[in-house]
Full PDB file with SEQRES, HELIX, SHEET, SSBOND, CRYST1, ORIGX, SCALE, CONECT and MASTER records, all heavy atoms in Angstrom:
SEQRES   1 A   38  ASP PHE ALA ASP ALA ASP ALA ALA ALA ALA ALA ALA ASP          
SEQRES   2 A   38  ALA ALA ASP GLU GLU CYS ASP GLN GLU TYR ASP TYR GLU          
SEQRES   3 A   38  ASP ALA ARG ARG ALA ARG TRP THR ALA THR ALA THR              
HELIX    1 AA1 PHE A    2  ALA A   37  1                                  36    
CRYST1    1.000    1.000    1.000  90.00  90.00  90.00 P 1           1          
ORIGX1      1.000000  0.000000  0.000000        0.00000                         
ORIGX2      0.000000  1.000000  0.000000        0.00000                         
ORIGX3      0.000000  0.000000  1.000000        0.00000                         
SCALE1      1.000000  0.000000  0.000000        0.00000                         
SCALE2      0.000000  1.000000  0.000000        0.00000                         
SCALE3      0.000000  0.000000  1.000000        0.00000                         
ATOM      1  N   ASP A   1     -25.950 -32.618 -26.452  1.00  0.00           N  
ATOM      2  CA  ASP A   1     -26.284 -31.475 -25.607  1.00  0.00           C  
ATOM      3  C   ASP A   1     -25.146 -31.145 -24.655  1.00  0.00           C  
ATOM      4  O   ASP A   1     -24.805 -29.994 -24.450  1.00  0.00           O  
ATOM      5  CB  ASP A   1     -27.566 -31.741 -24.812  1.00  0.00           C  
ATOM      6  CG  ASP A   1     -28.801 -31.742 -25.707  1.00  0.00           C  
ATOM      7  OD1 ASP A   1     -28.721 -31.187 -26.825  1.00  0.00           O  
ATOM      8  OD2 ASP A   1     -29.830 -32.306 -25.279  1.00  0.00           O  
ATOM      9  N   PHE A   2     -24.546 -32.192 -24.059  1.00  0.00           N  
ATOM     10  CA  PHE A   2     -23.428 -31.967 -23.152  1.00  0.00           C  
ATOM     11  C   PHE A   2     -22.226 -31.410 -23.903  1.00  0.00           C  
ATOM     12  O   PHE A   2     -21.517 -30.557 -23.393  1.00  0.00           O  
ATOM     13  CB  PHE A   2     -23.031 -33.252 -22.425  1.00  0.00           C  
ATOM     14  CG  PHE A   2     -23.997 -33.634 -21.345  1.00  0.00           C  
ATOM     15  CD1 PHE A   2     -24.585 -34.878 -21.334  1.00  0.00           C  
ATOM     16  CD2 PHE A   2     -24.322 -32.748 -20.335  1.00  0.00           C  
ATOM     17  CE1 PHE A   2     -25.476 -35.229 -20.347  1.00  0.00           C  
ATOM     18  CE2 PHE A   2     -25.207 -33.088 -19.343  1.00  0.00           C  
ATOM     19  CZ  PHE A   2     -25.786 -34.335 -19.342  1.00  0.00           C  
ATOM     20  N   ALA A   3     -21.989 -31.881 -25.101  1.00  0.00           N  
ATOM     21  CA  ALA A   3     -20.868 -31.386 -25.898  1.00  0.00           C  
ATOM     22  C   ALA A   3     -21.079 -29.917 -26.255  1.00  0.00           C  
ATOM     23  O   ALA A   3     -20.142 -29.113 -26.210  1.00  0.00           O  
ATOM     24  CB  ALA A   3     -20.696 -32.216 -27.167  1.00  0.00           C  
ATOM     25  N   ASP A   4     -22.317 -29.540 -26.589  1.00  0.00           N  
ATOM     26  CA  ASP A   4     -22.617 -28.139 -26.893  1.00  0.00           C  
ATOM     27  C   ASP A   4     -22.413 -27.266 -25.657  1.00  0.00           C  
ATOM     28  O   ASP A   4     -21.885 -26.159 -25.748  1.00  0.00           O  
ATOM     29  CB  ASP A   4     -24.043 -27.988 -27.410  1.00  0.00           C  
ATOM     30  CG  ASP A   4     -24.230 -28.589 -28.806  1.00  0.00           C  
ATOM     31  OD1 ASP A   4     -23.208 -28.791 -29.501  1.00  0.00           O  
ATOM     32  OD2 ASP A   4     -25.388 -28.861 -29.177  1.00  0.00           O  
ATOM     33  N   ALA A   5     -22.856 -27.758 -24.507  1.00  0.00           N  
ATOM     34  CA  ALA A   5     -22.696 -26.996 -23.269  1.00  0.00           C  
ATOM     35  C   ALA A   5     -21.221 -26.848 -22.910  1.00  0.00           C  
ATOM     36  O   ALA A   5     -20.784 -25.782 -22.470  1.00  0.00           O  
ATOM     37  CB  ALA A   5     -23.446 -27.680 -22.132  1.00  0.00           C  
ATOM     38  N   ASP A   6     -20.441 -27.913 -23.110  1.00  0.00           N  
ATOM     39  CA  ASP A   6     -19.006 -27.840 -22.834  1.00  0.00           C  
ATOM     40  C   ASP A   6     -18.320 -26.858 -23.774  1.00  0.00           C  
ATOM     41  O   ASP A   6     -17.453 -26.089 -23.366  1.00  0.00           O  
ATOM     42  CB  ASP A   6     -18.355 -29.220 -22.960  1.00  0.00           C  
ATOM     43  CG  ASP A   6     -18.754 -30.150 -21.825  1.00  0.00           C  
ATOM     44  OD1 ASP A   6     -19.231 -29.656 -20.786  1.00  0.00           O  
ATOM     45  OD2 ASP A   6     -18.582 -31.379 -22.002  1.00  0.00           O  
ATOM     46  N   ALA A   7     -18.710 -26.857 -25.032  1.00  0.00           N  
ATOM     47  CA  ALA A   7     -18.112 -25.939 -26.001  1.00  0.00           C  
ATOM     48  C   ALA A   7     -18.469 -24.500 -25.658  1.00  0.00           C  
ATOM     49  O   ALA A   7     -17.623 -23.600 -25.751  1.00  0.00           O  
ATOM     50  CB  ALA A   7     -18.582 -26.277 -27.408  1.00  0.00           C  
ATOM     51  N   ALA A   8     -19.702 -24.264 -25.236  1.00  0.00           N  
ATOM     52  CA  ALA A   8     -20.120 -22.909 -24.869  1.00  0.00           C  
ATOM     53  C   ALA A   8     -19.375 -22.440 -23.623  1.00  0.00           C  
ATOM     54  O   ALA A   8     -18.956 -21.282 -23.538  1.00  0.00           O  
ATOM     55  CB  ALA A   8     -21.626 -22.862 -24.631  1.00  0.00           C  
ATOM     56  N   ALA A   9     -19.204 -23.335 -22.647  1.00  0.00           N  
ATOM     57  CA  ALA A   9     -18.475 -22.974 -21.433  1.00  0.00           C  
ATOM     58  C   ALA A   9     -17.011 -22.684 -21.749  1.00  0.00           C  
ATOM     59  O   ALA A   9     -16.424 -21.747 -21.201  1.00  0.00           O  
ATOM     60  CB  ALA A   9     -18.581 -24.098 -20.401  1.00  0.00           C  
ATOM     61  N   ALA A  10     -16.417 -23.464 -22.636  1.00  0.00           N  
ATOM     62  CA  ALA A  10     -15.024 -23.235 -23.011  1.00  0.00           C  
ATOM     63  C   ALA A  10     -14.876 -21.903 -23.737  1.00  0.00           C  
ATOM     64  O   ALA A  10     -13.917 -21.161 -23.513  1.00  0.00           O  
ATOM     65  CB  ALA A  10     -14.522 -24.373 -23.892  1.00  0.00           C  
ATOM     66  N   ALA A  11     -15.833 -21.561 -24.588  1.00  0.00           N  
ATOM     67  CA  ALA A  11     -15.782 -20.288 -25.298  1.00  0.00           C  
ATOM     68  C   ALA A  11     -15.934 -19.123 -24.320  1.00  0.00           C  
ATOM     69  O   ALA A  11     -15.256 -18.098 -24.447  1.00  0.00           O  
ATOM     70  CB  ALA A  11     -16.861 -20.224 -26.364  1.00  0.00           C  
ATOM     71  N   ALA A  12     -16.813 -19.271 -23.332  1.00  0.00           N  
ATOM     72  CA  ALA A  12     -16.999 -18.213 -22.334  1.00  0.00           C  
ATOM     73  C   ALA A  12     -15.745 -18.041 -21.486  1.00  0.00           C  
ATOM     74  O   ALA A  12     -15.345 -16.920 -21.170  1.00  0.00           O  
ATOM     75  CB  ALA A  12     -18.201 -18.532 -21.443  1.00  0.00           C  
ATOM     76  N   ASP A  13     -15.110 -19.160 -21.116  1.00  0.00           N  
ATOM     77  CA  ASP A  13     -13.871 -19.086 -20.346  1.00  0.00           C  
ATOM     78  C   ASP A  13     -12.771 -18.403 -21.143  1.00  0.00           C  
ATOM     79  O   ASP A  13     -12.003 -17.595 -20.612  1.00  0.00           O  
ATOM     80  CB  ASP A  13     -13.404 -20.477 -19.921  1.00  0.00           C  
ATOM     81  CG  ASP A  13     -14.284 -21.075 -18.834  1.00  0.00           C  
ATOM     82  OD1 ASP A  13     -15.023 -20.298 -18.179  1.00  0.00           O  
ATOM     83  OD2 ASP A  13     -14.228 -22.301 -18.646  1.00  0.00           O  
ATOM     84  N   ALA A  14     -12.678 -18.707 -22.428  1.00  0.00           N  
ATOM     85  CA  ALA A  14     -11.654 -18.083 -23.271  1.00  0.00           C  
ATOM     86  C   ALA A  14     -11.907 -16.579 -23.390  1.00  0.00           C  
ATOM     87  O   ALA A  14     -10.972 -15.778 -23.339  1.00  0.00           O  
ATOM     88  CB  ALA A  14     -11.644 -18.722 -24.656  1.00  0.00           C  
ATOM     89  N   ALA A  15     -13.167 -16.185 -23.516  1.00  0.00           N  
ATOM     90  CA  ALA A  15     -13.492 -14.759 -23.606  1.00  0.00           C  
ATOM     91  C   ALA A  15     -13.168 -14.054 -22.290  1.00  0.00           C  
ATOM     92  O   ALA A  15     -12.663 -12.925 -22.294  1.00  0.00           O  
ATOM     93  CB  ALA A  15     -14.958 -14.570 -23.962  1.00  0.00           C  
ATOM     94  N   ASP A  16     -13.455 -14.712 -21.148  1.00  0.00           N  
ATOM     95  CA  ASP A  16     -13.139 -14.124 -19.850  1.00  0.00           C  
ATOM     96  C   ASP A  16     -11.636 -13.951 -19.679  1.00  0.00           C  
ATOM     97  O   ASP A  16     -11.169 -12.949 -19.149  1.00  0.00           O  
ATOM     98  CB  ASP A  16     -13.686 -14.987 -18.711  1.00  0.00           C  
ATOM     99  CG  ASP A  16     -15.190 -14.874 -18.575  1.00  0.00           C  
ATOM    100  OD1 ASP A  16     -15.758 -13.895 -19.132  1.00  0.00           O  
ATOM    101  OD2 ASP A  16     -15.789 -15.747 -17.929  1.00  0.00           O  
ATOM    102  N   GLU A  17     -10.858 -14.953 -20.121  1.00  0.00           N  
ATOM    103  CA  GLU A  17      -9.411 -14.860 -20.004  1.00  0.00           C  
ATOM    104  C   GLU A  17      -8.870 -13.723 -20.860  1.00  0.00           C  
ATOM    105  O   GLU A  17      -7.957 -13.013 -20.449  1.00  0.00           O  
ATOM    106  CB  GLU A  17      -8.761 -16.182 -20.403  1.00  0.00           C  
ATOM    107  CG  GLU A  17      -8.945 -17.281 -19.379  1.00  0.00           C  
ATOM    108  CD  GLU A  17      -8.355 -18.604 -19.831  1.00  0.00           C  
ATOM    109  OE1 GLU A  17      -7.609 -18.613 -20.819  1.00  0.00           O  
ATOM    110  OE2 GLU A  17      -8.638 -19.611 -19.181  1.00  0.00           O  
ATOM    111  N   GLU A  18      -9.432 -13.537 -22.057  1.00  0.00           N  
ATOM    112  CA  GLU A  18      -8.991 -12.442 -22.910  1.00  0.00           C  
ATOM    113  C   GLU A  18      -9.292 -11.102 -22.255  1.00  0.00           C  
ATOM    114  O   GLU A  18      -8.459 -10.197 -22.253  1.00  0.00           O  
ATOM    115  CB  GLU A  18      -9.662 -12.516 -24.274  1.00  0.00           C  
ATOM    116  CG  GLU A  18      -9.147 -13.628 -25.154  1.00  0.00           C  
ATOM    117  CD  GLU A  18      -9.905 -13.717 -26.466  1.00  0.00           C  
ATOM    118  OE1 GLU A  18     -10.677 -12.793 -26.777  1.00  0.00           O  
ATOM    119  OE2 GLU A  18      -9.717 -14.717 -27.177  1.00  0.00           O  
ATOM    120  N   CYS A  19     -10.482 -10.967 -21.671  1.00  0.00           N  
ATOM    121  CA  CYS A  19     -10.837  -9.718 -20.999  1.00  0.00           C  
ATOM    122  C   CYS A  19      -9.952  -9.502 -19.780  1.00  0.00           C  
ATOM    123  O   CYS A  19      -9.517  -8.385 -19.518  1.00  0.00           O  
ATOM    124  CB  CYS A  19     -12.307  -9.739 -20.571  1.00  0.00           C  
ATOM    125  SG  CYS A  19     -13.436  -9.605 -21.960  1.00  0.00           S  
ATOM    126  N   ASP A  20      -9.703 -10.565 -19.020  1.00  0.00           N  
ATOM    127  CA  ASP A  20      -8.856 -10.453 -17.844  1.00  0.00           C  
ATOM    128  C   ASP A  20      -7.444 -10.048 -18.231  1.00  0.00           C  
ATOM    129  O   ASP A  20      -6.810  -9.247 -17.559  1.00  0.00           O  
ATOM    130  CB  ASP A  20      -8.837 -11.765 -17.062  1.00  0.00           C  
ATOM    131  CG  ASP A  20     -10.162 -12.049 -16.382  1.00  0.00           C  
ATOM    132  OD1 ASP A  20     -10.969 -11.108 -16.257  1.00  0.00           O  
ATOM    133  OD2 ASP A  20     -10.385 -13.202 -15.979  1.00  0.00           O  
ATOM    134  N   GLN A  21      -6.926 -10.600 -19.313  1.00  0.00           N  
ATOM    135  CA  GLN A  21      -5.573 -10.284 -19.723  1.00  0.00           C  
ATOM    136  C   GLN A  21      -5.469  -8.858 -20.237  1.00  0.00           C  
ATOM    137  O   GLN A  21      -4.454  -8.200 -20.053  1.00  0.00           O  
ATOM    138  CB  GLN A  21      -5.103 -11.264 -20.801  1.00  0.00           C  
ATOM    139  CG  GLN A  21      -4.872 -12.657 -20.257  1.00  0.00           C  
ATOM    140  CD  GLN A  21      -4.596 -13.657 -21.363  1.00  0.00           C  
ATOM    141  OE1 GLN A  21      -4.648 -13.326 -22.529  1.00  0.00           O  
ATOM    142  NE2 GLN A  21      -4.308 -14.895 -20.983  1.00  0.00           N  
ATOM    143  N   GLU A  22      -6.520  -8.358 -20.872  1.00  0.00           N  
ATOM    144  CA  GLU A  22      -6.490  -6.997 -21.395  1.00  0.00           C  
ATOM    145  C   GLU A  22      -6.519  -5.963 -20.284  1.00  0.00           C  
ATOM    146  O   GLU A  22      -5.837  -4.952 -20.357  1.00  0.00           O  
ATOM    147  CB  GLU A  22      -7.694  -6.752 -22.299  1.00  0.00           C  
ATOM    148  CG  GLU A  22      -7.564  -7.350 -23.674  1.00  0.00           C  
ATOM    149  CD  GLU A  22      -8.775  -7.009 -24.525  1.00  0.00           C  
ATOM    150  OE1 GLU A  22      -9.365  -5.938 -24.325  1.00  0.00           O  
ATOM    151  OE2 GLU A  22      -9.116  -7.835 -25.382  1.00  0.00           O  
ATOM    152  N   TYR A  23      -7.288  -6.195 -19.239  1.00  0.00           N  
ATOM    153  CA  TYR A  23      -7.540  -5.161 -18.250  1.00  0.00           C  
ATOM    154  C   TYR A  23      -6.902  -5.411 -16.901  1.00  0.00           C  
ATOM    155  O   TYR A  23      -6.989  -4.556 -16.037  1.00  0.00           O  
ATOM    156  CB  TYR A  23      -9.050  -4.990 -18.072  1.00  0.00           C  
ATOM    157  CG  TYR A  23      -9.733  -4.564 -19.342  1.00  0.00           C  
ATOM    158  CD1 TYR A  23     -10.552  -5.432 -20.036  1.00  0.00           C  
ATOM    159  CD2 TYR A  23      -9.539  -3.300 -19.858  1.00  0.00           C  
ATOM    160  CE1 TYR A  23     -11.176  -5.048 -21.213  1.00  0.00           C  
ATOM    161  CE2 TYR A  23     -10.150  -2.906 -21.037  1.00  0.00           C  
ATOM    162  CZ  TYR A  23     -10.969  -3.778 -21.696  1.00  0.00           C  
ATOM    163  OH  TYR A  23     -11.574  -3.393 -22.853  1.00  0.00           O  
ATOM    164  N   ASP A  24      -6.287  -6.540 -16.674  1.00  0.00           N  
ATOM    165  CA  ASP A  24      -5.729  -6.832 -15.358  1.00  0.00           C  
ATOM    166  C   ASP A  24      -4.669  -5.821 -14.947  1.00  0.00           C  
ATOM    167  O   ASP A  24      -4.727  -5.271 -13.856  1.00  0.00           O  
ATOM    168  CB  ASP A  24      -5.135  -8.242 -15.320  1.00  0.00           C  
ATOM    169  CG  ASP A  24      -6.156  -9.277 -14.946  1.00  0.00           C  
ATOM    170  OD1 ASP A  24      -7.234  -8.888 -14.468  1.00  0.00           O  
ATOM    171  OD2 ASP A  24      -5.874 -10.467 -15.121  1.00  0.00           O  
ATOM    172  N   TYR A  25      -3.692  -5.588 -15.791  1.00  0.00           N  
ATOM    173  CA  TYR A  25      -2.600  -4.697 -15.430  1.00  0.00           C  
ATOM    174  C   TYR A  25      -3.092  -3.273 -15.236  1.00  0.00           C  
ATOM    175  O   TYR A  25      -2.730  -2.595 -14.275  1.00  0.00           O  
ATOM    176  CB  TYR A  25      -1.510  -4.748 -16.506  1.00  0.00           C  
ATOM    177  CG  TYR A  25      -0.347  -3.858 -16.184  1.00  0.00           C  
ATOM    178  CD1 TYR A  25       0.555  -4.213 -15.189  1.00  0.00           C  
ATOM    179  CD2 TYR A  25      -0.172  -2.650 -16.839  1.00  0.00           C  
ATOM    180  CE1 TYR A  25       1.612  -3.390 -14.868  1.00  0.00           C  
ATOM    181  CE2 TYR A  25       0.875  -1.820 -16.525  1.00  0.00           C  
ATOM    182  CZ  TYR A  25       1.775  -2.186 -15.539  1.00  0.00           C  
ATOM    183  OH  TYR A  25       2.812  -1.376 -15.223  1.00  0.00           O  
ATOM    184  N   GLU A  26      -3.944  -2.816 -16.140  1.00  0.00           N  
ATOM    185  CA  GLU A  26      -4.459  -1.447 -16.063  1.00  0.00           C  
ATOM    186  C   GLU A  26      -5.341  -1.257 -14.832  1.00  0.00           C  
ATOM    187  O   GLU A  26      -5.231  -0.251 -14.131  1.00  0.00           O  
ATOM    188  CB  GLU A  26      -5.246  -1.133 -17.333  1.00  0.00           C  
ATOM    189  CG  GLU A  26      -5.627   0.315 -17.478  1.00  0.00           C  
ATOM    190  CD  GLU A  26      -4.435   1.214 -17.743  1.00  0.00           C  
ATOM    191  OE1 GLU A  26      -3.451   0.743 -18.328  1.00  0.00           O  
ATOM    192  OE2 GLU A  26      -4.498   2.381 -17.332  1.00  0.00           O  
ATOM    193  N   ASP A  27      -6.196  -2.221 -14.543  1.00  0.00           N  
ATOM    194  CA  ASP A  27      -7.064  -2.121 -13.368  1.00  0.00           C  
ATOM    195  C   ASP A  27      -6.264  -2.176 -12.079  1.00  0.00           C  
ATOM    196  O   ASP A  27      -6.556  -1.460 -11.125  1.00  0.00           O  
ATOM    197  CB  ASP A  27      -8.105  -3.241 -13.375  1.00  0.00           C  
ATOM    198  CG  ASP A  27      -9.175  -3.023 -14.426  1.00  0.00           C  
ATOM    199  OD1 ASP A  27      -9.306  -1.878 -14.910  1.00  0.00           O  
ATOM    200  OD2 ASP A  27      -9.867  -3.995 -14.770  1.00  0.00           O  
ATOM    201  N   ALA A  28      -5.255  -3.032 -12.032  1.00  0.00           N  
ATOM    202  CA  ALA A  28      -4.429  -3.148 -10.830  1.00  0.00           C  
ATOM    203  C   ALA A  28      -3.657  -1.853 -10.587  1.00  0.00           C  
ATOM    204  O   ALA A  28      -3.548  -1.382  -9.447  1.00  0.00           O  
ATOM    205  CB  ALA A  28      -3.470  -4.323 -10.966  1.00  0.00           C  
ATOM    206  N   ARG A  29      -3.145  -1.267 -11.653  1.00  0.00           N  
ATOM    207  CA  ARG A  29      -2.397  -0.019 -11.512  1.00  0.00           C  
ATOM    208  C   ARG A  29      -3.312   1.101 -11.034  1.00  0.00           C  
ATOM    209  O   ARG A  29      -2.960   1.886 -10.152  1.00  0.00           O  
ATOM    210  CB  ARG A  29      -1.759   0.357 -12.847  1.00  0.00           C  
ATOM    211  CG  ARG A  29      -0.845   1.550 -12.748  1.00  0.00           C  
ATOM    212  CD  ARG A  29      -0.058   1.722 -14.008  1.00  0.00           C  
ATOM    213  NE  ARG A  29      -0.926   1.838 -15.155  1.00  0.00           N  
ATOM    214  CZ  ARG A  29      -0.872   2.844 -16.021  1.00  0.00           C  
ATOM    215  NH1 ARG A  29       0.017   3.782 -15.871  1.00  0.00           N  
ATOM    216  NH2 ARG A  29      -1.682   2.890 -17.044  1.00  0.00           N  
ATOM    217  N   ARG A  30      -4.519   1.150 -11.579  1.00  0.00           N  
ATOM    218  CA  ARG A  30      -5.486   2.166 -11.163  1.00  0.00           C  
ATOM    219  C   ARG A  30      -5.887   1.970  -9.699  1.00  0.00           C  
ATOM    220  O   ARG A  30      -6.013   2.940  -8.942  1.00  0.00           O  
ATOM    221  CB  ARG A  30      -6.723   2.103 -12.054  1.00  0.00           C  
ATOM    222  CG  ARG A  30      -7.682   3.239 -11.825  1.00  0.00           C  
ATOM    223  CD  ARG A  30      -8.865   3.201 -12.776  1.00  0.00           C  
ATOM    224  NE  ARG A  30      -8.432   3.106 -14.156  1.00  0.00           N  
ATOM    225  CZ  ARG A  30      -8.861   2.177 -15.008  1.00  0.00           C  
ATOM    226  NH1 ARG A  30      -9.735   1.271 -14.617  1.00  0.00           N  
ATOM    227  NH2 ARG A  30      -8.453   2.152 -16.247  1.00  0.00           N  
ATOM    228  N   ALA A  31      -6.061   0.729  -9.281  1.00  0.00           N  
ATOM    229  CA  ALA A  31      -6.420   0.451  -7.884  1.00  0.00           C  
ATOM    230  C   ALA A  31      -5.286   0.842  -6.944  1.00  0.00           C  
ATOM    231  O   ALA A  31      -5.531   1.383  -5.852  1.00  0.00           O  
ATOM    232  CB  ALA A  31      -6.768  -1.022  -7.720  1.00  0.00           C  
ATOM    233  N   ARG A  32      -4.037   0.574  -7.340  1.00  0.00           N  
ATOM    234  CA  ARG A  32      -2.897   0.964  -6.499  1.00  0.00           C  
ATOM    235  C   ARG A  32      -2.820   2.481  -6.344  1.00  0.00           C  
ATOM    236  O   ARG A  32      -2.628   2.996  -5.242  1.00  0.00           O  
ATOM    237  CB  ARG A  32      -1.585   0.441  -7.098  1.00  0.00           C  
ATOM    238  CG  ARG A  32      -1.367  -1.033  -6.886  1.00  0.00           C  
ATOM    239  CD  ARG A  32       0.048  -1.442  -7.207  1.00  0.00           C  
ATOM    240  NE  ARG A  32       0.477  -1.090  -8.557  1.00  0.00           N  
ATOM    241  CZ  ARG A  32       0.331  -1.860  -9.616  1.00  0.00           C  
ATOM    242  NH1 ARG A  32      -0.225  -3.041  -9.489  1.00  0.00           N  
ATOM    243  NH2 ARG A  32       0.765  -1.469 -10.802  1.00  0.00           N  
ATOM    244  N   TRP A  33      -2.970   3.196  -7.455  1.00  0.00           N  
ATOM    245  CA  TRP A  33      -2.917   4.658  -7.401  1.00  0.00           C  
ATOM    246  C   TRP A  33      -4.060   5.218  -6.556  1.00  0.00           C  
ATOM    247  O   TRP A  33      -3.872   6.162  -5.784  1.00  0.00           O  
ATOM    248  CB  TRP A  33      -2.972   5.252  -8.807  1.00  0.00           C  
ATOM    249  CG  TRP A  33      -1.642   5.288  -9.474  1.00  0.00           C  
ATOM    250  CD1 TRP A  33      -1.172   4.427 -10.411  1.00  0.00           C  
ATOM    251  CD2 TRP A  33      -0.597   6.230  -9.240  1.00  0.00           C  
ATOM    252  NE1 TRP A  33       0.095   4.769 -10.779  1.00  0.00           N  
ATOM    253  CE2 TRP A  33       0.476   5.879 -10.071  1.00  0.00           C  
ATOM    254  CE3 TRP A  33      -0.470   7.335  -8.407  1.00  0.00           C  
ATOM    255  CZ2 TRP A  33       1.657   6.598 -10.092  1.00  0.00           C  
ATOM    256  CZ3 TRP A  33       0.715   8.053  -8.432  1.00  0.00           C  
ATOM    257  CH2 TRP A  33       1.759   7.679  -9.271  1.00  0.00           C  
ATOM    258  N   THR A  34      -5.243   4.653  -6.715  1.00  0.00           N  
ATOM    259  CA  THR A  34      -6.400   5.131  -5.954  1.00  0.00           C  
ATOM    260  C   THR A  34      -6.218   4.898  -4.465  1.00  0.00           C  
ATOM    261  O   THR A  34      -6.478   5.793  -3.651  1.00  0.00           O  
ATOM    262  CB  THR A  34      -7.690   4.442  -6.449  1.00  0.00           C  
ATOM    263  OG1 THR A  34      -7.839   4.694  -7.846  1.00  0.00           O  
ATOM    264  CG2 THR A  34      -8.899   4.928  -5.703  1.00  0.00           C  
ATOM    265  N   ALA A  35      -5.762   3.703  -4.086  1.00  0.00           N  
ATOM    266  CA  ALA A  35      -5.553   3.401  -2.672  1.00  0.00           C  
ATOM    267  C   ALA A  35      -4.461   4.286  -2.082  1.00  0.00           C  
ATOM    268  O   ALA A  35      -4.590   4.789  -0.950  1.00  0.00           O  
ATOM    269  CB  ALA A  35      -5.200   1.928  -2.498  1.00  0.00           C  
ATOM    270  N   THR A  36      -3.397   4.500  -2.833  1.00  0.00           N  
ATOM    271  CA  THR A  36      -2.296   5.329  -2.341  1.00  0.00           C  
ATOM    272  C   THR A  36      -2.725   6.787  -2.191  1.00  0.00           C  
ATOM    273  O   THR A  36      -2.460   7.419  -1.158  1.00  0.00           O  
ATOM    274  CB  THR A  36      -1.091   5.232  -3.298  1.00  0.00           C  
ATOM    275  OG1 THR A  36      -0.733   3.855  -3.433  1.00  0.00           O  
ATOM    276  CG2 THR A  36       0.089   6.013  -2.780  1.00  0.00           C  
ATOM    277  N   ALA A  37      -3.383   7.319  -3.195  1.00  0.00           N  
ATOM    278  CA  ALA A  37      -3.802   8.722  -3.150  1.00  0.00           C  
ATOM    279  C   ALA A  37      -4.848   8.963  -2.060  1.00  0.00           C  
ATOM    280  O   ALA A  37      -4.777   9.954  -1.320  1.00  0.00           O  
ATOM    281  CB  ALA A  37      -4.351   9.146  -4.506  1.00  0.00           C  
ATOM    282  N   THR A  38      -5.790   8.050  -1.933  1.00  0.00           N  
ATOM    283  CA  THR A  38      -6.826   8.203  -0.912  1.00  0.00           C  
ATOM    284  C   THR A  38      -6.225   8.104   0.479  1.00  0.00           C  
ATOM    285  O   THR A  38      -6.575   8.870   1.378  1.00  0.00           O  
ATOM    286  CB  THR A  38      -7.926   7.140  -1.101  1.00  0.00           C  
ATOM    287  OG1 THR A  38      -8.430   7.234  -2.426  1.00  0.00           O  
ATOM    288  CG2 THR A  38      -9.049   7.322  -0.108  1.00  0.00           C  
TER     289      THR A  38                                                      
MASTER        0    0    0    1    0    0    0    6  288    1    0    3          
END                                                                             
């Protein structure tokens, strides 16, 4: 049970890292433009 939970947590962390890597630069750039324009 612990091994299954660890594997599920590792898979979730890997998915989060992939999402973070895909959108980090784009989101940061959008936030900079929004803060500057506002």
